[in-house]
Amino acid sequence: MDKDRKMKMMMMMGLLLGAICSPVLTQNWKADVVKSLEALVSSCVVIPCSFTHPEENLSTSRLRGIWHISSDRNRRIYYEDKTAVIESFRGRTKLLGHLGQGNCTLEITDVKDHDNGPFCFRIELAPTAGGTQEKFSFVEDCAGLKMLPDPPKPKLVPSKTAIQGHPFTVTCTVAHTCPSHAPVISWSRGTSEGITEFHRQSHSGIWEVQSILTFIAEEKDDHSEVTCTSTFNGGRTSSATFGLYVKRTENYNHIIIPTVVGIGTAVVFAVFCIFMVKKYRARIAQLQSQDGSVWNRLSRLSRRMRSDAPGPSRSEQRRSIWSRFSRRPRAAVEMPNKTGNDQTFSKPRFPSPKSQPKSCNYNKGFDGGDDYENTADLNIYGNV
């Protein structure tokens, strides 16, 4: 009886130990793989992967990582022995982590449009002395890829308002699935000193590159464009553009400048007028102070001009004298006849020399020469 009891107790203990040890040996080998990712054709993609195991301090040299197509374990897309990799993936895959640290992340470069998967991870442990090789395949945690024919466009987030003379920032964000070859962001303006770049993981299997551009907004930047361009691995590019509108600082230059110009012009014109009036008055005073008034000066000038004029010629003087004689009426004079009869004669009247107007011009031509004629003989007084 005691022996039977002891056997039963030992069997129960064995079952209990088996129940406790079995989860340790089976359930602790577990992989965590992103099940769906977007991959840009001709670029690269990184499939995050991690696994756990019950043993502690497993060296990487004892572990062999394998990635294969889910439908066939023998169709390997990654293995240490590259000859065992199918030809379409040969040279395009590699592990980024260390298996001893539980990292089984896979990178696929030069993505083809048929690299859609799903892909599963499998691990092998090198056998110890006298032991057997252990293999664990995680077919329940596989990764599928969605091919992107065109690169995703960056997102631009500018500051609320661009104010003239103040700093203005623009943030450009690009999502990608290849942190080992992150996209390169460039700007259409600005310098490297005004650009700050950040890399972060937004979700499992999705990363972001964030570039912040800072510059001083100026008046010439109004109605201009700012463009952010992202260049992915493989040479594919995408860009985004937004229009920049600069708010000018409030000033009254449009009022002050015309007002100052108008006032300055008026002042210059007034000074010019005052100067001309003073100059005109000074000139009048100068003329009045020289030998009497202006009118005396003008009268002397007119007399001088008349005195300098040439006198009449001899023929003109003769015609003038005879014309005077012809215009004078002849007075009737009674002269006794030798026969004793009284006869009446008309006596021409001649003007007195005193009544002749004196000429202010003296012509020296009358003083000499053979043509001299005594005008005194023409003045006849009395009876002829």
Protein backbone atom coordinates (compact mmCIF):
# COMPACT_ATOMS: atom_id res chain seq x y z
CA MET A 1 0.00 0.00 0.00
CA ASP A 2 2.76 2.43 0.97
CA LYS A 3 4.60 1.60 -2.23
CA ASP A 4 1.49 2.32 -4.33
CA ARG A 5 1.00 5.62 -2.59
CA LYS A 6 4.58 6.60 -3.23
CA MET A 7 4.26 5.71 -6.93
CA LYS A 8 1.12 7.76 -7.28
CA MET A 9 2.73 10.72 -5.54
CA MET A 10 5.74 10.53 -7.85
CA MET A 11 3.52 10.39 -10.93
CA MET A 12 1.56 13.44 -9.77
CA MET A 13 4.78 15.33 -9.12
CA GLY A 14 6.09 14.43 -12.58
CA LEU A 15 2.88 15.62 -14.22
CA LEU A 16 3.04 18.86 -12.26
CA LEU A 17 6.64 19.45 -13.26
CA GLY A 18 5.80 18.67 -16.86
CA ALA A 19 2.93 21.15 -16.79
CA ILE A 20 5.19 23.81 -15.32
CA CYS A 21 8.16 23.20 -17.63
CA SER A 22 6.28 22.85 -20.93
CA PRO A 23 5.26 26.56 -21.23
CA VAL A 24 8.83 27.56 -20.53
CA LEU A 25 10.12 25.41 -23.34
CA THR A 26 7.40 26.24 -25.86
CA GLN A 27 5.53 29.48 -25.19
CA ASN A 28 8.58 31.68 -24.42
CA TRP A 29 9.82 31.42 -28.03
CA LYS A 30 7.76 34.20 -29.53
CA ALA A 31 8.31 36.73 -32.35
CA ASP A 32 6.85 40.21 -32.74
CA VAL A 33 6.70 41.30 -36.40
CA VAL A 34 4.89 44.22 -38.07
CA LYS A 35 2.25 42.52 -40.16
CA SER A 36 1.66 45.24 -42.78
CA LEU A 37 3.97 47.88 -44.22
CA GLU A 38 4.11 50.21 -47.22
CA ALA A 39 7.20 49.90 -49.40
CA LEU A 40 8.24 52.35 -52.12
CA VAL A 41 9.23 50.62 -55.33
CA SER A 42 12.94 51.12 -56.14
CA SER A 43 13.58 52.30 -52.56
CA CYS A 44 14.06 50.20 -49.43
CA VAL A 45 11.95 48.89 -46.57
CA VAL A 46 12.80 47.79 -43.04
CA ILE A 47 10.63 45.15 -41.35
CA PRO A 48 10.92 45.49 -37.54
CA CYS A 49 11.20 42.16 -35.79
CA SER A 50 11.98 40.98 -32.27
CA PHE A 51 11.77 37.59 -30.52
CA THR A 52 12.02 36.14 -27.04
CA HIS A 53 13.41 32.80 -25.82
CA PRO A 54 13.47 30.95 -22.47
CA GLU A 55 17.19 30.61 -22.26
CA GLU A 56 19.39 33.39 -20.96
CA ASN A 57 22.52 34.82 -22.54
CA LEU A 58 22.28 33.11 -25.86
CA SER A 59 25.26 34.15 -27.96
CA THR A 60 24.71 35.39 -31.50
CA SER A 61 27.13 32.75 -32.78
CA ARG A 62 24.74 29.99 -31.67
CA LEU A 63 21.76 31.50 -33.47
CA ARG A 64 20.91 31.34 -37.15
CA GLY A 65 18.23 33.67 -38.47
CA ILE A 66 16.14 32.78 -41.52
CA TRP A 67 13.50 34.74 -43.41
CA HIS A 68 11.37 32.80 -45.84
CA ILE A 69 8.16 33.05 -47.82
CA SER A 70 5.24 32.01 -45.68
CA SER A 71 4.02 29.38 -48.12
CA ASP A 72 7.35 27.54 -48.33
CA ARG A 73 10.09 27.40 -45.66
CA ASN A 74 12.65 26.33 -48.24
CA ARG A 75 12.18 29.55 -50.30
CA ARG A 76 14.46 31.70 -48.25
CA ILE A 77 14.82 35.42 -48.86
CA TYR A 78 17.56 35.76 -46.21
CA TYR A 79 20.16 33.36 -44.84
CA GLU A 80 23.84 33.46 -43.93
CA ASP A 81 24.60 31.15 -46.78
CA LYS A 82 23.63 33.36 -49.71
CA THR A 83 23.62 30.43 -52.07
CA ALA A 84 20.54 29.16 -50.20
CA VAL A 85 18.63 32.41 -50.95
CA ILE A 86 16.32 32.51 -53.95
CA GLU A 87 17.83 34.43 -56.83
CA SER A 88 15.31 37.30 -56.96
CA PHE A 89 16.30 38.36 -53.38
CA ARG A 90 19.96 37.49 -53.49
CA GLY A 91 22.11 40.47 -52.40
CA ARG A 92 19.09 42.62 -51.46
CA THR A 93 18.39 41.46 -47.90
CA LYS A 94 20.24 41.62 -44.59
CA LEU A 95 19.64 41.63 -40.83
CA LEU A 96 20.06 44.98 -39.08
CA GLY A 97 20.00 43.75 -35.48
CA HIS A 98 21.82 41.18 -33.36
CA LEU A 99 20.06 37.89 -32.81
CA GLY A 100 21.68 37.51 -29.38
CA GLN A 101 19.75 40.63 -28.32
CA GLY A 102 16.50 39.31 -29.73
CA ASN A 103 16.56 41.60 -32.77
CA CYS A 104 15.59 40.03 -36.08
CA THR A 105 14.89 43.20 -38.11
CA LEU A 106 15.14 42.68 -41.87
CA GLU A 107 16.09 45.22 -44.54
CA ILE A 108 15.11 44.82 -48.20
CA THR A 109 16.74 47.20 -50.70
CA ASP A 110 15.86 47.97 -54.31
CA VAL A 111 12.26 46.96 -53.68
CA LYS A 112 10.52 45.29 -56.61
CA ASP A 113 6.82 45.53 -57.30
CA HIS A 114 6.50 41.76 -56.66
CA ASP A 115 8.13 41.83 -53.19
CA ASN A 116 4.78 41.75 -51.45
CA GLY A 117 5.35 38.67 -49.20
CA PRO A 118 4.19 37.67 -46.68
CA PHE A 119 7.59 36.91 -45.09
CA CYS A 120 8.10 34.92 -41.90
CA PHE A 121 11.01 34.59 -39.45
CA ARG A 122 12.61 31.31 -38.36
CA ILE A 123 15.46 30.75 -35.90
CA GLU A 124 17.83 27.82 -35.43
CA LEU A 125 20.05 27.05 -32.44
CA ALA A 126 23.39 25.35 -33.04
CA PRO A 127 23.45 22.03 -31.17
CA THR A 128 25.58 21.66 -28.09
CA ALA A 129 27.91 18.74 -27.56
CA GLY A 130 25.82 15.62 -27.64
CA GLY A 131 22.60 17.58 -28.09
CA THR A 132 20.16 18.08 -30.93
CA GLN A 133 19.53 21.20 -33.08
CA GLU A 134 16.49 23.24 -32.06
CA LYS A 135 14.41 25.15 -34.63
CA PHE A 136 11.56 27.58 -34.11
CA SER A 137 9.45 29.03 -36.92
CA PHE A 138 7.04 31.91 -36.30
CA VAL A 139 4.60 31.32 -39.12
CA GLU A 140 1.79 32.99 -37.23
CA ASP A 141 3.63 36.36 -37.21
CA CYS A 142 4.52 37.25 -40.79
CA ALA A 143 4.90 40.60 -42.54
CA GLY A 144 3.10 41.64 -45.72
CA LEU A 145 4.15 44.57 -47.94
CA LYS A 146 2.02 47.02 -49.91
CA MET A 147 3.84 48.39 -52.93
CA LEU A 148 3.86 52.17 -53.51
CA PRO A 149 4.53 53.18 -57.15
CA ASP A 150 4.95 56.89 -56.25
CA PRO A 151 6.71 58.40 -53.24
CA PRO A 152 4.58 60.06 -50.55
CA LYS A 153 4.42 63.84 -50.62
CA PRO A 154 5.82 65.83 -47.72
CA LYS A 155 3.52 67.81 -45.45
CA LEU A 156 4.18 71.52 -44.96
CA VAL A 157 3.10 73.32 -41.80
CA PRO A 158 3.99 77.05 -41.85
CA SER A 159 3.66 79.50 -38.99
CA LYS A 160 0.35 81.29 -38.62
CA THR A 161 1.40 84.65 -40.08
CA ALA A 162 4.55 85.93 -41.73
CA ILE A 163 5.32 89.44 -40.45
CA GLN A 164 7.89 91.64 -42.11
CA GLY A 165 11.15 91.73 -40.15
CA HIS A 166 10.20 88.79 -37.86
CA PRO A 167 11.38 85.15 -37.90
CA PHE A 168 9.16 82.77 -39.83
CA THR A 169 9.27 78.97 -39.61
CA VAL A 170 8.08 76.22 -41.94
CA THR A 171 8.01 72.54 -40.98
CA CYS A 172 8.32 69.84 -43.65
CA THR A 173 7.53 66.24 -42.61
CA VAL A 174 8.04 63.10 -44.71
CA ALA A 175 6.90 59.59 -43.69
CA HIS A 176 8.95 56.57 -44.80
CA THR A 177 9.61 52.90 -43.99
CA CYS A 178 13.37 52.78 -44.40
CA PRO A 179 15.25 54.36 -41.46
CA SER A 180 18.56 52.90 -42.64
CA HIS A 181 18.32 55.10 -45.77
CA ALA A 182 16.15 58.01 -44.69
CA PRO A 183 14.94 60.54 -47.30
CA VAL A 184 16.94 63.74 -47.74
CA ILE A 185 14.96 67.00 -47.46
CA SER A 186 15.97 70.18 -49.30
CA TRP A 187 14.44 73.68 -49.45
CA SER A 188 14.01 76.16 -52.29
CA ARG A 189 15.38 78.96 -50.09
CA GLY A 190 17.28 79.52 -46.87
CA THR A 191 20.70 78.35 -45.69
CA SER A 192 21.93 75.32 -43.76
CA GLU A 193 22.30 77.47 -40.63
CA GLY A 194 18.54 78.08 -40.62
CA ILE A 195 17.56 74.41 -41.09
CA THR A 196 17.02 71.93 -38.24
CA GLU A 197 16.31 68.23 -38.89
CA PHE A 198 14.82 65.51 -36.67
CA HIS A 199 14.31 61.75 -37.13
CA ARG A 200 11.75 59.83 -35.11
CA GLN A 201 9.54 56.75 -35.20
CA SER A 202 5.87 57.69 -35.34
CA HIS A 203 4.42 54.15 -35.37
CA SER A 204 5.73 50.63 -35.46
CA GLY A 205 7.39 50.30 -38.84
CA ILE A 206 6.82 53.97 -39.83
CA TRP A 207 9.39 56.71 -39.38
CA GLU A 208 9.40 60.44 -40.08
CA VAL A 209 11.97 62.97 -41.15
CA GLN A 210 11.14 66.47 -39.98
CA SER A 211 12.95 69.52 -41.32
CA ILE A 212 12.33 73.01 -39.87
CA LEU A 213 13.26 76.06 -41.94
CA THR A 214 13.64 79.44 -40.19
CA PHE A 215 14.21 82.76 -41.95
CA ILE A 216 13.44 86.47 -41.58
CA ALA A 217 10.42 87.43 -43.66
CA GLU A 218 11.03 90.48 -45.84
CA GLU A 219 8.84 92.61 -48.07
CA LYS A 220 10.27 91.00 -51.21
CA ASP A 221 9.09 87.59 -49.94
CA ASP A 222 5.45 88.60 -50.26
CA HIS A 223 3.52 86.46 -52.78
CA SER A 224 6.52 84.14 -53.19
CA GLU A 225 6.65 80.34 -52.97
CA VAL A 226 8.51 78.02 -50.61
CA THR A 227 9.11 74.44 -51.80
CA CYS A 228 10.18 71.39 -49.79
CA THR A 229 11.63 68.46 -51.77
CA SER A 230 12.29 64.96 -50.38
CA THR A 231 14.66 62.58 -52.16
CA PHE A 232 14.19 58.90 -51.32
CA ASN A 233 16.65 56.06 -51.56
CA GLY A 234 16.82 55.05 -55.20
CA GLY A 235 16.47 58.63 -56.53
CA ARG A 236 12.68 59.07 -56.39
CA THR A 237 11.58 62.57 -55.35
CA SER A 238 8.42 64.33 -54.23
CA SER A 239 7.78 67.95 -53.29
CA ALA A 240 5.22 70.28 -51.74
CA THR A 241 4.82 74.05 -52.21
CA PHE A 242 2.92 76.78 -50.40
CA GLY A 243 2.44 80.48 -51.08
CA LEU A 244 4.01 82.95 -48.68
CA TYR A 245 2.17 86.16 -47.83
CA VAL A 246 4.05 88.69 -45.72
CA LYS A 247 2.19 91.13 -43.50
CA ARG A 248 3.91 94.49 -43.66
CA THR A 249 4.65 96.38 -40.47
CA GLU A 250 2.39 99.38 -39.96
CA ASN A 251 4.00 102.67 -40.93
CA TYR A 252 2.95 106.01 -42.29
CA ASN A 253 5.63 106.43 -44.90
CA HIS A 254 3.02 106.62 -47.64
CA ILE A 255 1.63 109.73 -45.89
CA ILE A 256 4.75 111.26 -44.39
CA ILE A 257 6.92 111.15 -47.50
CA PRO A 258 4.47 112.99 -49.85
CA THR A 259 3.74 115.55 -47.12
CA VAL A 260 7.41 116.27 -46.52
CA VAL A 261 8.05 116.55 -50.25
CA GLY A 262 5.13 118.99 -50.66
CA ILE A 263 6.21 121.15 -47.73
CA GLY A 264 9.81 121.20 -48.93
CA THR A 265 8.75 122.24 -52.42
CA ALA A 266 6.56 125.04 -51.02
CA VAL A 267 9.38 126.32 -48.81
CA VAL A 268 11.87 126.34 -51.69
CA PHE A 269 9.39 128.17 -53.92
CA ALA A 270 8.65 130.76 -51.19
CA VAL A 271 12.35 131.40 -50.58
CA PHE A 272 12.90 131.82 -54.32
CA CYS A 273 10.02 134.33 -54.58
CA ILE A 274 11.28 136.35 -51.58
CA PHE A 275 14.76 136.44 -53.07
CA MET A 276 13.46 137.68 -56.43
CA VAL A 277 11.29 140.38 -54.81
CA LYS A 278 14.21 141.64 -52.74
CA LYS A 279 16.45 141.66 -55.77
CA TYR A 280 13.83 143.58 -57.80
CA ARG A 281 13.35 146.20 -55.07
CA ALA A 282 17.09 146.64 -54.69
CA ARG A 283 17.41 147.24 -58.41
CA ILE A 284 14.65 149.88 -58.38
CA ALA A 285 16.23 151.66 -55.44
CA GLN A 286 19.58 151.63 -57.23
CA LEU A 287 18.06 153.19 -60.35
CA GLN A 288 16.26 155.86 -58.33
CA SER A 289 19.43 156.83 -56.48
CA GLN A 290 21.43 157.43 -59.67
CA ASP A 291 20.94 161.14 -60.86
CA GLY A 292 17.31 161.54 -59.94
CA SER A 293 14.33 159.48 -60.78
CA VAL A 294 13.99 156.89 -63.46
CA TRP A 295 11.94 159.24 -65.61
CA ASN A 296 14.74 161.87 -65.63
CA ARG A 297 17.16 159.22 -66.70
CA LEU A 298 14.83 158.10 -69.47
CA SER A 299 14.28 161.73 -70.68
CA ARG A 300 18.00 162.36 -70.82
CA LEU A 301 18.42 159.15 -72.73
CA SER A 302 15.75 160.19 -75.27
CA ARG A 303 17.30 163.67 -75.79
CA ARG A 304 20.68 162.09 -76.32
CA MET A 305 19.25 159.84 -78.96
CA ARG A 306 17.67 162.81 -80.82
CA SER A 307 20.89 164.83 -80.73
CA ASP A 308 22.82 161.98 -82.25
CA ALA A 309 20.46 161.72 -85.25
CA PRO A 310 21.84 163.10 -88.62
CA GLY A 311 20.54 166.53 -89.83
CA PRO A 312 18.67 167.19 -93.12
CA SER A 313 20.61 167.46 -96.39
CA ARG A 314 20.97 170.70 -98.44
CA SER A 315 18.38 169.73 -100.98
CA GLU A 316 15.92 168.97 -98.20
CA GLN A 317 16.57 172.38 -96.60
CA ARG A 318 16.01 174.17 -99.96
CA ARG A 319 12.75 172.36 -100.56
CA SER A 320 11.63 173.23 -97.07
CA ILE A 321 12.39 176.95 -97.51
CA TRP A 322 10.68 177.26 -100.89
CA SER A 323 7.70 175.37 -99.65
CA ARG A 324 7.35 177.96 -96.92
CA PHE A 325 7.48 180.78 -99.44
CA SER A 326 4.86 179.17 -101.58
CA ARG A 327 2.53 178.77 -98.64
CA ARG A 328 2.84 182.47 -97.51
CA PRO A 329 0.14 184.88 -98.93
CA ARG A 330 1.55 187.90 -100.83
CA ALA A 331 0.60 191.34 -99.52
CA ALA A 332 -0.58 193.98 -102.01
CA VAL A 333 1.79 196.97 -102.20
CA GLU A 334 1.01 200.18 -103.97
CA MET A 335 3.94 201.53 -105.92
CA PRO A 336 3.93 204.82 -107.83
CA ASN A 337 4.22 204.60 -111.57
CA LYS A 338 6.39 206.87 -113.59
CA THR A 339 3.31 207.99 -115.46
CA GLY A 340 1.74 209.05 -112.24
CA ASN A 341 -0.83 206.29 -112.10
CA ASP A 342 -1.00 204.29 -108.99
CA GLN A 343 -0.50 200.55 -109.56
CA THR A 344 -0.87 197.86 -106.98
CA PHE A 345 1.73 195.13 -106.63
CA SER A 346 1.56 192.07 -104.47
CA LYS A 347 4.36 191.82 -102.02
CA PRO A 348 5.36 188.47 -100.80
CA ARG A 349 5.58 188.10 -97.12
CA PHE A 350 8.54 186.36 -95.67
CA PRO A 351 8.79 185.09 -92.15
CA SER A 352 11.07 186.72 -89.74
CA PRO A 353 14.27 184.97 -88.90
CA LYS A 354 13.15 184.99 -85.31
CA SER A 355 10.06 182.99 -86.21
CA GLN A 356 12.17 180.31 -87.94
CA PRO A 357 12.59 177.26 -85.76
CA LYS A 358 16.14 176.71 -84.85
CA SER A 359 17.54 173.40 -85.78
CA CYS A 360 19.34 171.55 -83.05
CA ASN A 361 21.44 169.84 -85.67
CA TYR A 362 24.43 171.54 -87.08
CA ASN A 363 25.75 170.26 -90.36
CA LYS A 364 29.26 171.29 -91.18
CA GLY A 365 28.56 170.80 -94.89
CA PHE A 366 27.05 174.26 -95.09
CA ASP A 367 30.28 176.00 -94.01
CA GLY A 368 32.54 175.19 -96.94
CA GLY A 369 32.52 174.20 -100.53
CA ASP A 370 31.50 175.84 -103.80
CA ASP A 371 27.84 175.24 -103.25
CA TYR A 372 27.58 177.86 -100.54
CA GLU A 373 24.40 179.88 -100.70
CA ASN A 374 23.62 182.76 -98.40
CA THR A 375 20.19 182.15 -97.06
CA ALA A 376 20.13 185.71 -95.67
CA ASP A 377 19.58 187.06 -99.23
CA LEU A 378 16.34 185.18 -99.32
CA ASN A 379 14.98 187.17 -96.40
CA ILE A 380 13.54 190.15 -98.28
CA TYR A 381 12.08 193.04 -96.40
CA GLY A 382 10.45 196.03 -97.91
CA ASN A 383 9.52 196.62 -101.55
CA VAL A 384 11.26 195.01 -104.43
